[in-house]
Amino acid sequence: MKLRRRMHRKMWKPALTIITAITTFSVCFTGNSRTAFAKSDDTIVLRVCNWEEYIDMGDWDEEERIMLDNGVTIFGENPLYKEFEDWYLETYGKRVRVEYSCFGTNEDLYNQLNLGDTYDLVCPSEYMIMKLMAEGRLEPYSEAFYDKSNECNFYINNVSPYIYKVMNENEIHGEQWSKYAAGYMWGITGVLYNPAKVTQDEASTWKIFEKEQFKRQVALKDNVRDSYFAALGILKADQLTEEAFQNAPDYAKRLEDEMNDTNLTTIAQAQELLERLMDNIYSLETDSGKADMVSGKIVADYQWSGDAVYAMDQADEDGLELRFSVPKEGANLWFDGWVMLKDGIGDDVLQKHAAEAFVNFMSRPDNAVRNMYYIGYTSSIAGAEGDDTVFEYINWCYGADESDTDTIEYPLGYFFSGSSGDENYIVTASLEQIDRQLYAQYPSQEVLKRTVVMRYFDEDTSKAINRMWINVRCFDINDVPFVVWLAVLAVFILLVRKICVKVK
């Protein structure tokens, strides 16, 4: 069986990259031409802030060179953001220098912005994008950015129809996400599990995290958004799995409402549940869950799809099989997207043009493949008609060998062309890919029907949720039994008496 996947180099070396460019464009017009920029010798400084280890940093080994069946060669030698500087100069005749920095969580980024850090372009997740939109802190993309006739507008020409539809259908205060955000990576959440210890049925529900049979063998996420989501899945499990609920005409809307329930009573119930779960889980983790799954410390973990793929890859190298399940109650559909900040861009036309060009450069199919190979997550880029680079990369990763007899036909038309029945986008994969890497990277439409986007919390809700999380994460003095206080008081009195005796 052939199963070639990315090497997840982000765990190896913090280096940087260049690719064998598929096509070199000398001039692209997006409302500002090369001639328009030639008047100034000043270098544009573009301040970009992205997630840690979330861009191709290059320094690939020669054996990592990817030769796709459509003749395209993928290879990373220099950092993509450094390569953008060269491309921008060649394309627009203007120098740009990227000041590239990173953040660890959405909340870290938000705090950095509130403390005065200034960036032009950042890449938060969907709920933080919503929050920044609601606060009026984002600069909208220009009309020229969405001009499909411009061959250098790689984003609008290559973004997945599925992703673009989601970006258009979701709004904040009557404004579409797509006006302010361009999709970068996307995925879902689910349960990464060891099939030798956990059955598929057991892993197909959020209730696995409260099962006593897995005491100290399961892990949740060390952030309030994801763990609160899992708690809602457990609290509402019976309702969410009712046949009448799932077959309702407005199922998608009802599921979204239930999995974004922030009623004070619900928050209190979630706190009580999470406090109880603290006695059952092995840990609250952010990144260690992958290693704990591979080493066998835990048998199931709340996991993002990209990290689940990484863990399955690593486990395969160790001769251990891991699988990925999406709970039947519902799961989170998440996005990370590029947004421009008003505080950074301001009224600077050149600055905005460089920021939009950066997004476009990252959206070129060859660069999307480089990022997917390097970081292991799934790009929002599908490729324009006639450019099957991304699809061929999926085949390179997961396509079955001719000698494989047990195979499955895995349709991906919904992502690439917008048509679920498009026979041009069917991956013939090994039967062993069921509930594995391909399933995690590109969920089936049946799975996507039970996924929802996490909404952002307003100020009052954020306070209530954060207070709940502090009570869950930290020692709550009100929970100490009265007899314990009596014991502590007795010990204190004894110590005082001994001290008094010694003084005498």
Protein backbone atom coordinates (compact mmCIF):
# COMPACT_ATOMS: atom_id res chain seq x y z
CA MET A 1 0.00 0.00 0.00
CA LYS A 2 1.19 3.50 -0.85
CA LEU A 3 0.66 6.12 1.81
CA ARG A 4 2.89 9.12 1.31
CA ARG A 5 2.31 12.07 3.56
CA ARG A 6 3.92 15.27 4.66
CA MET A 7 6.82 14.89 7.08
CA HIS A 8 5.49 17.50 9.53
CA ARG A 9 8.79 19.29 9.47
CA LYS A 10 7.54 21.80 12.01
CA MET A 11 8.60 19.33 14.67
CA TRP A 12 12.10 19.02 13.20
CA LYS A 13 13.72 22.34 12.44
CA PRO A 14 12.78 26.01 12.51
CA ALA A 15 14.18 26.75 9.05
CA LEU A 16 12.82 28.52 5.89
CA THR A 17 11.76 27.82 2.18
CA ILE A 18 11.54 28.23 -1.61
CA ILE A 19 9.68 26.15 -4.15
CA THR A 20 10.28 25.24 -7.73
CA ALA A 21 7.82 27.84 -8.99
CA ILE A 22 5.11 26.51 -11.19
CA THR A 23 4.53 29.78 -13.02
CA THR A 24 6.40 33.06 -12.87
CA PHE A 25 4.34 36.19 -13.32
CA SER A 26 6.25 39.30 -14.32
CA VAL A 27 3.43 41.82 -14.11
CA CYS A 28 0.08 41.63 -12.32
CA PHE A 29 -2.40 44.45 -12.19
CA THR A 30 -4.61 44.76 -9.09
CA GLY A 31 -5.54 48.38 -9.44
CA ASN A 32 -1.92 49.46 -8.80
CA SER A 33 0.55 48.71 -11.59
CA ARG A 34 4.32 48.35 -11.63
CA THR A 35 4.52 51.86 -13.10
CA ALA A 36 2.55 53.31 -10.22
CA PHE A 37 5.09 51.97 -7.73
CA ALA A 38 8.20 53.00 -9.62
CA LYS A 39 8.04 56.57 -8.33
CA SER A 40 9.27 55.70 -4.84
CA ASP A 41 12.47 54.04 -3.67
CA ASP A 42 11.13 53.50 -0.16
CA THR A 43 10.70 49.92 1.04
CA ILE A 44 7.27 48.91 2.30
CA VAL A 45 7.47 47.26 5.71
CA LEU A 46 4.73 44.67 6.07
CA ARG A 47 4.14 43.52 9.65
CA VAL A 48 2.68 39.99 9.63
CA CYS A 49 1.71 37.99 12.72
CA ASN A 50 0.76 34.32 12.36
CA TRP A 51 0.40 31.21 14.50
CA GLU A 52 3.62 29.53 15.57
CA GLU A 53 4.90 26.95 13.07
CA TYR A 54 2.11 27.85 10.63
CA ILE A 55 3.97 28.64 7.42
CA ASP A 56 6.49 26.81 5.27
CA MET A 57 9.90 27.72 6.67
CA GLY A 58 11.80 25.75 4.04
CA ASP A 59 15.18 24.03 4.26
CA TRP A 60 13.73 20.84 2.79
CA ASP A 61 16.03 17.90 2.22
CA GLU A 62 16.44 16.84 -1.39
CA GLU A 63 14.59 13.56 -0.79
CA GLU A 64 11.54 15.59 0.22
CA ARG A 65 11.14 16.98 -3.29
CA ILE A 66 7.58 16.21 -4.41
CA MET A 67 6.97 15.21 -8.03
CA LEU A 68 3.25 15.31 -8.80
CA ASP A 69 1.60 13.37 -11.60
CA ASN A 70 0.62 16.60 -13.37
CA GLY A 71 4.31 17.47 -13.81
CA VAL A 72 4.50 20.04 -11.00
CA THR A 73 7.51 19.88 -8.69
CA ILE A 74 7.19 21.09 -5.10
CA PHE A 75 10.30 21.94 -3.13
CA GLY A 76 10.96 24.33 -0.24
CA GLU A 77 14.36 25.94 0.08
CA ASN A 78 13.73 29.44 1.46
CA PRO A 79 10.99 30.86 3.71
CA LEU A 80 7.74 31.57 1.89
CA TYR A 81 7.46 35.01 3.42
CA LYS A 82 10.99 35.82 2.24
CA GLU A 83 10.17 34.48 -1.20
CA PHE A 84 7.16 36.79 -1.26
CA GLU A 85 9.52 39.75 -1.02
CA ASP A 86 11.28 38.66 -4.23
CA TRP A 87 7.99 37.93 -6.00
CA TYR A 88 6.56 41.32 -5.04
CA LEU A 89 9.60 43.18 -6.37
CA GLU A 90 9.56 41.21 -9.62
CA THR A 91 5.80 41.60 -10.04
CA TYR A 92 5.22 45.18 -8.93
CA GLY A 93 8.66 46.81 -9.08
CA LYS A 94 8.48 47.79 -5.42
CA ARG A 95 10.51 46.49 -2.49
CA VAL A 96 8.75 45.08 0.53
CA ARG A 97 10.24 43.73 3.75
CA VAL A 98 8.17 41.35 5.83
CA GLU A 99 8.53 41.62 9.59
CA TYR A 100 7.24 38.19 10.53
CA SER A 101 6.23 37.33 14.11
CA CYS A 102 4.07 34.73 15.84
CA PHE A 103 1.42 34.26 18.51
CA GLY A 104 0.47 31.17 20.50
CA THR A 105 -3.31 31.50 20.94
CA ASN A 106 -6.10 33.76 19.74
CA GLU A 107 -6.26 35.25 23.20
CA ASP A 108 -2.51 35.95 23.14
CA LEU A 109 -2.94 37.83 19.86
CA TYR A 110 -5.87 39.81 21.22
CA ASN A 111 -3.88 40.78 24.32
CA GLN A 112 -0.93 41.80 22.16
CA LEU A 113 -3.18 44.10 20.14
CA ASN A 114 -4.68 45.61 23.28
CA LEU A 115 -1.21 46.21 24.73
CA GLY A 116 -0.27 48.27 21.69
CA ASP A 117 1.46 45.85 19.31
CA THR A 118 0.86 46.98 15.74
CA TYR A 119 0.49 44.63 12.78
CA ASP A 120 -0.81 45.02 9.27
CA LEU A 121 -1.86 41.42 8.66
CA VAL A 122 -2.77 38.72 11.19
CA CYS A 123 -4.27 35.22 10.98
CA PRO A 124 -6.71 34.52 13.86
CA SER A 125 -9.43 31.87 14.09
CA GLU A 126 -13.07 32.36 13.15
CA TYR A 127 -14.39 33.48 16.54
CA MET A 128 -11.58 36.00 16.98
CA ILE A 129 -12.18 37.29 13.46
CA MET A 130 -15.82 37.79 14.45
CA LYS A 131 -14.77 39.60 17.61
CA LEU A 132 -12.40 41.94 15.75
CA MET A 133 -15.10 42.60 13.15
CA ALA A 134 -17.65 43.41 15.85
CA GLU A 135 -15.19 45.83 17.46
CA GLY A 136 -14.60 47.62 14.14
CA ARG A 137 -10.87 46.88 14.12
CA LEU A 138 -10.56 45.31 10.67
CA GLU A 139 -9.86 46.88 7.31
CA PRO A 140 -12.02 45.45 4.48
CA TYR A 141 -10.38 43.96 1.43
CA SER A 142 -10.50 46.14 -1.67
CA GLU A 143 -12.84 45.46 -4.58
CA ALA A 144 -9.78 44.84 -6.74
CA PHE A 145 -8.81 41.90 -4.48
CA TYR A 146 -11.91 40.01 -5.70
CA ASP A 147 -11.41 40.71 -9.41
CA LYS A 148 -11.19 37.25 -11.00
CA SER A 149 -9.89 38.67 -14.27
CA ASN A 150 -6.62 39.56 -12.55
CA GLU A 151 -4.30 36.56 -12.86
CA CYS A 152 -2.42 37.57 -9.70
CA ASN A 153 -5.54 37.47 -7.55
CA PHE A 154 -4.73 33.92 -6.52
CA TYR A 155 -7.08 33.87 -3.55
CA ILE A 156 -10.39 34.56 -5.30
CA ASN A 157 -9.36 32.40 -8.25
CA ASN A 158 -8.24 29.42 -6.15
CA VAL A 159 -10.23 29.38 -2.91
CA SER A 160 -12.42 26.31 -2.39
CA PRO A 161 -16.07 26.93 -3.33
CA TYR A 162 -17.05 25.27 -0.07
CA ILE A 163 -14.86 27.55 2.02
CA TYR A 164 -15.91 30.68 0.15
CA LYS A 165 -19.56 29.78 0.62
CA VAL A 166 -19.10 29.47 4.37
CA MET A 167 -17.26 32.82 4.44
CA ASN A 168 -20.13 34.45 2.54
CA GLU A 169 -22.96 32.87 4.50
CA ASN A 170 -21.66 33.92 7.93
CA GLU A 171 -22.10 37.52 9.02
CA ILE A 172 -21.41 39.86 11.91
CA HIS A 173 -23.72 42.85 12.23
CA GLY A 174 -24.89 42.32 8.67
CA GLU A 175 -21.42 42.15 7.14
CA GLN A 176 -20.06 38.98 5.55
CA TRP A 177 -16.84 37.43 6.81
CA SER A 178 -15.54 37.42 3.24
CA LYS A 179 -15.46 41.22 3.24
CA TYR A 180 -12.78 41.19 5.94
CA ALA A 181 -11.21 37.72 5.97
CA ALA A 182 -9.49 35.43 3.48
CA GLY A 183 -9.36 31.74 4.40
CA TYR A 184 -5.94 30.23 5.16
CA MET A 185 -6.37 26.85 6.89
CA TRP A 186 -9.48 25.00 8.03
CA GLY A 187 -10.56 21.82 9.75
CA ILE A 188 -12.79 20.20 12.33
CA THR A 189 -12.45 18.86 15.86
CA GLY A 190 -12.96 15.31 16.98
CA VAL A 191 -11.63 12.43 19.04
CA LEU A 192 -8.24 10.92 18.27
CA TYR A 193 -8.25 7.37 19.64
CA ASN A 194 -6.37 4.11 19.86
CA PRO A 195 -8.59 1.41 18.25
CA ALA A 196 -6.80 -1.30 20.22
CA LYS A 197 -8.16 0.24 23.44
CA VAL A 198 -11.25 2.16 22.33
CA THR A 199 -14.02 1.11 19.98
CA GLN A 200 -15.30 3.34 17.19
CA ASP A 201 -18.66 3.60 18.96
CA GLU A 202 -16.98 4.73 22.19
CA ALA A 203 -14.99 7.36 20.30
CA SER A 204 -18.00 8.66 18.38
CA THR A 205 -19.40 10.64 21.31
CA TRP A 206 -18.15 13.44 23.54
CA LYS A 207 -19.28 11.28 26.46
CA ILE A 208 -16.05 9.31 26.18
CA PHE A 209 -14.42 11.95 28.38
CA GLU A 210 -16.66 11.12 31.33
CA LYS A 211 -16.45 7.32 31.06
CA GLU A 212 -14.91 5.84 34.22
CA GLN A 213 -13.47 2.95 32.22
CA PHE A 214 -11.07 5.47 30.66
CA LYS A 215 -10.19 7.22 33.91
CA ARG A 216 -6.85 9.07 33.58
CA GLN A 217 -6.56 7.83 29.98
CA VAL A 218 -8.25 10.71 28.11
CA ALA A 219 -7.31 14.36 27.60
CA LEU A 220 -9.18 17.60 26.90
CA LYS A 221 -7.91 20.91 25.54
CA ASP A 222 -6.42 23.51 27.84
CA ASN A 223 -8.58 26.32 26.50
CA VAL A 224 -12.07 27.36 27.43
CA ARG A 225 -13.51 27.44 23.91
CA ASP A 226 -12.81 23.82 23.02
CA SER A 227 -13.45 22.30 26.43
CA TYR A 228 -16.72 24.24 26.81
CA PHE A 229 -17.76 22.95 23.39
CA ALA A 230 -17.08 19.36 24.47
CA ALA A 231 -19.02 19.95 27.68
CA LEU A 232 -22.04 21.14 25.70
CA GLY A 233 -21.80 18.02 23.56
CA ILE A 234 -22.05 15.88 26.69
CA LEU A 235 -24.75 17.93 28.40
CA LYS A 236 -26.97 17.99 25.31
CA ALA A 237 -26.09 14.54 23.94
CA ASP A 238 -29.57 13.06 24.20
CA GLN A 239 -31.21 16.03 22.52
CA LEU A 240 -28.59 16.35 19.77
CA THR A 241 -28.84 12.69 18.78
CA GLU A 242 -32.63 12.48 18.70
CA GLU A 243 -33.89 11.45 15.26
CA ALA A 244 -36.45 14.25 15.23
CA PHE A 245 -33.76 16.83 16.00
CA GLN A 246 -31.34 15.56 13.35
CA ASN A 247 -34.05 15.32 10.68
CA ALA A 248 -35.49 18.77 11.33
CA PRO A 249 -35.52 21.09 8.27
CA ASP A 250 -33.59 23.69 10.25
CA TYR A 251 -31.18 21.15 11.80
CA ALA A 252 -28.04 23.14 10.93
CA LYS A 253 -29.35 26.31 12.61
CA ARG A 254 -30.64 24.45 15.67
CA LEU A 255 -27.35 22.58 16.09
CA GLU A 256 -25.40 25.83 15.86
CA ASP A 257 -27.63 27.43 18.51
CA GLU A 258 -27.28 24.50 20.91
CA MET A 259 -23.49 24.24 20.54
CA ASN A 260 -23.14 27.98 21.12
CA ASP A 261 -25.48 28.11 24.11
CA THR A 262 -24.19 30.67 26.64
CA ASN A 263 -27.24 30.84 28.90
CA LEU A 264 -26.07 31.37 32.50
CA THR A 265 -27.77 28.16 33.59
CA THR A 266 -25.95 26.25 30.84
CA ILE A 267 -22.62 27.81 31.83
CA ALA A 268 -23.18 26.71 35.44
CA GLN A 269 -24.02 23.18 34.31
CA ALA A 270 -20.93 23.13 32.11
CA GLN A 271 -18.77 24.21 35.04
CA GLU A 272 -20.15 21.45 37.23
CA LEU A 273 -19.53 18.90 34.49
CA LEU A 274 -16.00 20.10 33.70
CA GLU A 275 -15.08 20.07 37.39
CA ARG A 276 -16.23 16.48 37.51
CA LEU A 277 -14.28 15.66 34.35
CA MET A 278 -11.09 16.98 35.94
CA ASP A 279 -11.08 13.83 38.09
CA ASN A 280 -11.43 11.60 35.05
CA ILE A 281 -9.01 13.08 32.52
CA TYR A 282 -5.26 12.58 32.33
CA SER A 283 -4.58 16.23 31.51
CA LEU A 284 -5.68 19.47 29.94
CA GLU A 285 -3.28 19.86 27.05
CA THR A 286 -2.51 22.17 24.15
CA ASP A 287 0.21 20.31 22.28
CA SER A 288 1.29 17.34 24.41
CA GLY A 289 -1.72 15.19 23.56
CA LYS A 290 -0.19 14.03 20.28
CA ALA A 291 2.91 12.63 21.99
CA ASP A 292 0.83 11.17 24.81
CA MET A 293 -1.29 9.29 22.27
CA VAL A 294 1.74 7.95 20.42
CA SER A 295 3.48 6.89 23.64
CA GLY A 296 0.36 5.20 24.96
CA LYS A 297 -0.09 7.41 28.03
CA ILE A 298 -3.64 8.11 26.92
CA VAL A 299 -6.07 6.24 24.65
CA ALA A 300 -8.27 9.14 23.49
CA ASP A 301 -7.75 12.88 23.05
CA TYR A 302 -9.83 15.91 22.01
CA GLN A 303 -7.97 16.95 18.90
CA TRP A 304 -7.93 19.36 15.98
CA SER A 305 -7.90 17.56 12.65
CA GLY A 306 -4.45 18.79 11.60
CA ASP A 307 -2.80 17.68 14.83
CA ALA A 308 -4.70 14.39 14.61
CA VAL A 309 -3.10 13.80 11.19
CA TYR A 310 0.32 14.56 12.65
CA ALA A 311 -0.23 12.11 15.53
CA MET A 312 -1.45 9.38 13.18
CA ASP A 313 1.62 9.89 10.98
CA GLN A 314 3.98 9.64 13.96
CA ALA A 315 2.17 6.59 15.32
CA ASP A 316 2.44 4.88 11.94
CA GLU A 317 6.21 5.31 12.06
CA ASP A 318 6.20 3.56 15.45
CA GLY A 319 3.97 0.73 14.23
CA LEU A 320 0.94 1.99 16.17
CA GLU A 321 -2.43 2.68 14.57
CA LEU A 322 -4.49 5.67 15.67
CA ARG A 323 -7.85 6.77 14.29
CA PHE A 324 -10.00 9.91 14.22
CA SER A 325 -13.71 10.08 14.97
CA VAL A 326 -16.18 12.96 14.75
CA PRO A 327 -18.74 12.83 17.60
CA LYS A 328 -22.31 12.14 16.55
CA GLU A 329 -23.58 15.03 18.69
CA GLY A 330 -21.74 17.58 16.55
CA ALA A 331 -18.27 19.07 16.13
CA ASN A 332 -16.58 22.39 15.56
CA LEU A 333 -15.88 23.63 12.03
CA TRP A 334 -12.99 26.07 12.37
CA PHE A 335 -11.12 28.47 10.10
CA ASP A 336 -7.98 30.54 10.36
CA GLY A 337 -8.00 33.53 8.05
CA TRP A 338 -5.93 36.53 7.02
CA VAL A 339 -7.34 39.87 8.18
CA MET A 340 -5.95 43.40 7.89
CA LEU A 341 -5.93 45.65 10.96
CA LYS A 342 -6.98 49.27 10.72
CA ASP A 343 -4.37 50.30 13.27
CA GLY A 344 -1.65 48.96 11.00
CA ILE A 345 -2.92 49.59 7.49
CA GLY A 346 -4.47 52.96 8.21
CA ASP A 347 -4.96 54.97 5.01
CA ASP A 348 -1.76 53.69 3.41
CA VAL A 349 -2.70 52.42 -0.06
CA LEU A 350 0.71 50.84 -0.66
CA GLN A 351 0.60 49.06 2.69
CA LYS A 352 -2.83 47.63 1.92
CA HIS A 353 -1.75 46.54 -1.54
CA ALA A 354 1.25 44.68 -0.10
CA ALA A 355 -0.95 42.98 2.52
CA GLU A 356 -3.43 41.81 -0.12
CA ALA A 357 -0.58 40.65 -2.34
CA PHE A 358 0.83 38.60 0.55
CA VAL A 359 -2.52 36.82 0.95
CA ASN A 360 -2.65 36.20 -2.79
CA PHE A 361 0.89 34.80 -2.83
CA MET A 362 0.05 32.39 -0.02
CA SER A 363 -3.03 31.33 -2.01
CA ARG A 364 -1.09 30.19 -5.07
CA PRO A 365 -1.72 26.41 -5.33
CA ASP A 366 1.98 25.50 -5.24
CA ASN A 367 2.47 27.58 -2.11
CA ALA A 368 -0.69 26.13 -0.54
CA VAL A 369 0.81 22.66 -1.04
CA ARG A 370 4.09 23.75 0.51
CA ASN A 371 2.27 25.00 3.59
CA MET A 372 0.18 21.84 3.87
CA TYR A 373 3.24 19.62 3.56
CA TYR A 374 5.20 21.63 6.09
CA ILE A 375 2.59 22.19 8.81
CA GLY A 376 0.19 19.27 8.21
CA TYR A 377 -3.04 21.28 8.20
CA THR A 378 -5.51 21.69 5.33
CA SER A 379 -5.41 24.75 3.10
CA SER A 380 -8.54 26.63 2.06
CA ILE A 381 -7.14 26.63 -1.47
CA ALA A 382 -8.53 24.18 -4.04
CA GLY A 383 -7.11 25.58 -7.28
CA ALA A 384 -8.60 27.28 -10.31
CA GLU A 385 -10.15 25.36 -13.18
CA GLY A 386 -7.32 23.65 -15.02
CA ASP A 387 -4.94 23.71 -12.04
CA ASP A 388 -5.19 20.39 -10.19
CA THR A 389 -2.01 20.84 -8.13
CA VAL A 390 -3.74 20.59 -4.74
CA PHE A 391 -5.84 17.59 -5.78
CA GLU A 392 -2.78 15.83 -7.21
CA TYR A 393 -1.01 16.45 -3.91
CA ILE A 394 -3.84 14.67 -2.08
CA ASN A 395 -3.45 11.77 -4.49
CA TRP A 396 0.29 11.82 -3.86
CA CYS A 397 -0.38 11.56 -0.14
CA TYR A 398 -3.25 9.10 -0.05
CA GLY A 399 -3.86 7.55 -3.46
CA ALA A 400 -3.80 3.76 -3.50
CA ASP A 401 -1.21 1.75 -5.43
CA GLU A 402 -2.34 -0.20 -8.45
CA SER A 403 -1.54 -3.36 -6.49
CA ASP A 404 -3.98 -2.47 -3.70
CA THR A 405 -7.10 -4.60 -3.92
CA ASP A 406 -9.07 -3.20 -0.98
CA THR A 407 -9.84 0.40 -1.90
CA ILE A 408 -12.50 3.05 -1.38
CA GLU A 409 -13.74 5.85 -3.61
CA TYR A 410 -13.54 9.08 -1.60
CA PRO A 411 -15.42 12.01 -3.23
CA LEU A 412 -14.03 15.52 -2.77
CA GLY A 413 -16.03 17.40 -5.37
CA TYR A 414 -17.72 19.53 -2.68
CA PHE A 415 -14.35 21.08 -1.83
CA PHE A 416 -12.81 21.42 -5.29
CA SER A 417 -15.66 22.26 -7.64
CA GLY A 418 -18.64 22.77 -5.37
CA SER A 419 -20.37 19.70 -6.80
CA SER A 420 -20.47 16.63 -4.55
CA GLY A 421 -20.96 14.34 -7.55
CA ASP A 422 -18.03 15.67 -9.58
CA GLU A 423 -16.22 12.54 -10.79
CA ASN A 424 -13.08 14.55 -11.54
CA TYR A 425 -12.38 14.81 -7.82
CA ILE A 426 -12.57 11.29 -6.43
CA VAL A 427 -9.57 9.87 -4.58
CA THR A 428 -9.13 6.12 -4.83
CA ALA A 429 -7.56 5.33 -1.47
CA SER A 430 -6.72 2.23 0.51
CA LEU A 431 -9.55 0.87 2.62
CA GLU A 432 -7.26 1.46 5.59
CA GLN A 433 -7.85 5.21 5.19
CA ILE A 434 -11.32 4.94 6.74
CA ASP A 435 -11.29 7.15 9.85
CA ARG A 436 -7.66 8.00 9.18
CA GLN A 437 -5.62 10.88 7.72
CA LEU A 438 -7.65 11.52 4.56
CA TYR A 439 -10.88 11.45 6.58
CA ALA A 440 -9.44 13.97 9.07
CA GLN A 441 -8.01 16.34 6.46
CA TYR A 442 -11.03 16.34 4.18
CA PRO A 443 -14.15 15.33 6.15
CA SER A 444 -17.00 13.80 4.20
CA GLN A 445 -20.10 15.85 3.52
CA GLU A 446 -22.02 13.59 5.90
CA VAL A 447 -19.63 14.63 8.67
CA LEU A 448 -19.70 18.31 7.72
CA LYS A 449 -23.48 18.36 8.11
CA ARG A 450 -23.02 17.99 11.87
CA THR A 451 -20.32 20.63 12.29
CA VAL A 452 -20.86 24.20 13.46
CA VAL A 453 -18.80 27.34 13.76
CA MET A 454 -18.07 28.67 17.24
CA ARG A 455 -19.54 32.15 17.66
CA TYR A 456 -17.64 34.88 19.40
CA PHE A 457 -18.62 35.87 22.94
CA ASP A 458 -19.64 39.44 23.72
CA GLU A 459 -18.07 41.17 26.72
CA ASP A 460 -20.58 40.01 29.34
CA THR A 461 -20.59 36.43 28.06
CA SER A 462 -16.79 36.37 27.94
CA LYS A 463 -16.63 37.40 31.59
CA ALA A 464 -19.07 34.65 32.61
CA ILE A 465 -17.29 31.98 30.55
CA ASN A 466 -13.83 33.02 31.75
CA ARG A 467 -14.98 33.05 35.37
CA MET A 468 -16.35 29.54 34.88
CA TRP A 469 -13.04 28.39 33.36
CA ILE A 470 -11.01 29.88 36.21
CA ASN A 471 -13.15 27.95 38.67
CA VAL A 472 -12.57 24.76 36.68
CA ARG A 473 -8.84 25.26 36.20
CA CYS A 474 -7.96 26.66 39.59
CA PHE A 475 -8.37 25.68 43.21
CA ASP A 476 -11.79 26.85 44.43
CA ILE A 477 -11.62 27.69 48.13
CA ASN A 478 -15.38 27.36 48.44
CA ASP A 479 -15.18 23.67 47.58
CA VAL A 480 -13.01 22.79 50.60
CA PRO A 481 -15.06 20.64 53.05
CA PHE A 482 -15.70 22.08 56.54
CA VAL A 483 -13.90 19.17 58.23
CA VAL A 484 -10.75 20.02 56.27
CA TRP A 485 -10.89 23.60 57.57
CA LEU A 486 -11.23 22.23 61.11
CA ALA A 487 -8.17 20.03 60.61
CA VAL A 488 -6.15 22.95 59.23
CA LEU A 489 -7.23 25.12 62.19
CA ALA A 490 -6.24 22.40 64.65
CA VAL A 491 -2.77 22.07 63.08
CA PHE A 492 -2.37 25.85 63.14
CA ILE A 493 -3.26 26.01 66.87
CA LEU A 494 -0.74 23.25 67.67
CA LEU A 495 2.02 25.09 65.79
CA VAL A 496 1.23 28.34 67.61
CA ARG A 497 1.32 26.57 71.00
CA LYS A 498 4.70 24.99 70.20
CA ILE A 499 6.12 28.31 69.16
CA CYS A 500 4.82 29.92 72.35
CA VAL A 501 6.39 27.16 74.50
CA LYS A 502 9.77 27.62 72.82
CA VAL A 503 9.62 31.38 73.34
CA LYS A 504 9.05 30.90 77.07
